[in-house]
Each structure stands twice: as C-alpha cells, then as structure tokens.
Protein backbone atom coordinates (compact mmCIF):
# COMPACT_ATOMS: atom_id res chain seq x y z
CA MET A 1 219.32 -3.11 -81.11
CA ASP A 2 219.89 -3.65 -84.71
CA ASP A 3 223.61 -4.57 -84.25
CA PRO A 4 224.03 -8.45 -84.47
CA ALA A 5 226.88 -8.54 -82.41
CA LEU A 6 225.14 -6.75 -79.57
CA GLN A 7 222.28 -8.91 -80.10
CA ASP A 8 224.23 -12.16 -79.77
CA ARG A 9 226.09 -10.71 -76.40
CA VAL A 10 222.55 -9.75 -74.88
CA ALA A 11 221.51 -13.75 -75.83
CA ARG A 12 224.59 -14.85 -74.07
CA ILE A 13 223.92 -12.76 -71.00
CA GLU A 14 220.26 -13.89 -70.81
CA ARG A 15 221.50 -17.47 -70.92
CA ARG A 16 224.02 -17.01 -68.34
CA GLN A 17 221.32 -15.47 -66.10
CA ARG A 18 218.80 -18.53 -66.81
CA LEU A 19 221.76 -20.87 -65.86
CA LEU A 20 222.29 -19.32 -62.56
CA LEU A 21 218.87 -19.04 -61.64
CA ALA A 22 218.46 -22.70 -62.37
CA GLY A 23 221.50 -23.51 -60.45
CA LEU A 24 219.95 -21.51 -57.42
CA LEU A 25 216.49 -23.18 -57.62
CA LEU A 26 217.32 -26.65 -56.57
CA PRO A 27 219.22 -25.87 -53.21
CA ASN A 28 216.13 -23.31 -52.34
CA PHE A 29 213.58 -26.07 -53.05
CA TYR A 30 215.53 -28.61 -50.81
CA ALA A 31 215.79 -25.94 -48.00
CA ALA A 32 211.92 -25.28 -48.37
CA GLY A 33 211.22 -28.80 -48.42
CA GLU A 34 212.91 -29.31 -45.34
CA LEU A 35 211.26 -26.41 -43.55
CA PHE A 36 207.62 -26.64 -44.90
CA GLY A 37 207.68 -30.32 -45.91
CA TYR A 38 208.19 -31.55 -49.46
CA TRP A 39 204.64 -31.82 -50.67
CA THR A 40 204.07 -28.11 -49.71
CA ALA A 41 207.20 -27.17 -51.34
CA GLY A 42 206.38 -29.23 -54.46
CA ALA A 43 202.92 -27.55 -54.64
CA ALA A 44 204.32 -24.10 -54.43
CA ALA A 45 207.11 -25.00 -56.92
CA ALA A 46 204.51 -26.36 -59.26
CA ALA A 47 202.49 -23.02 -58.85
CA LEU A 48 205.49 -20.82 -59.37
CA ALA A 49 206.39 -22.74 -62.46
CA VAL A 50 202.86 -22.34 -63.88
CA LEU A 51 202.99 -18.46 -63.24
CA ALA A 52 206.44 -18.36 -64.69
CA LEU A 53 205.19 -20.07 -67.66
CA VAL A 54 202.36 -17.54 -68.05
CA ALA A 55 204.68 -14.37 -67.53
CA LEU A 56 207.20 -15.94 -70.26
CA VAL A 57 204.44 -16.29 -72.78
CA VAL A 58 203.24 -12.70 -71.94
CA VAL A 59 206.64 -11.32 -72.34
CA SER A 60 207.27 -13.27 -75.62
CA ARG A 61 204.04 -12.02 -77.09
CA ARG A 62 204.92 -8.27 -76.13
CA ARG A 63 208.34 -8.59 -77.59
CA ALA A 64 206.97 -10.08 -80.77
CA GLY A 65 204.45 -7.36 -81.06
CA ASP A 66 206.83 -4.64 -80.29
CA ALA A 67 209.08 -5.96 -83.06
CA ALA A 68 206.39 -5.83 -85.63
CA ASP A 69 205.50 -2.55 -84.66
CA GLY A 70 209.03 -1.26 -85.16
CA ALA A 71 209.06 -3.07 -88.73
CA THR A 72 206.21 -1.02 -90.14
C-alpha cells in the first residue's frame, strides 16, 4: 500500500467503521442494562473496553513491526 491516495481512502473507511461501531454501542449498552442491570452491564462494558484496548495495542505494535520489516 505505497499509494498515498489508497492509504487515505483506507483511513477514511476505518474512521467510518469506528464511528458506526461507536453509534451502535450506546443503544446496545442501554438494552443490556435493562436486561441484566446497569451495574452488571457497566462491569461487562469496562471489561470489554480493557480487552479492546489491549487488542488495539497488540495490533498497532504488529503493524509497526510489519512496517519496519518491509523497510529493510
């Protein structure tokens, strides 16, 4: 993916996907809160947020490593 226009397009698509996911999280949290209770839903959401953060760090480090390997 050396083409800057393609990289920009992929970045826009990724931002759009994140925005859609963020828009879907709030109604799902509300539904889970009504079903299981807000304390339980909040604890589950916090646990999922920590897992997502760890996954984000792992993926970003792998991408950085792949980019460094391709540069040599």
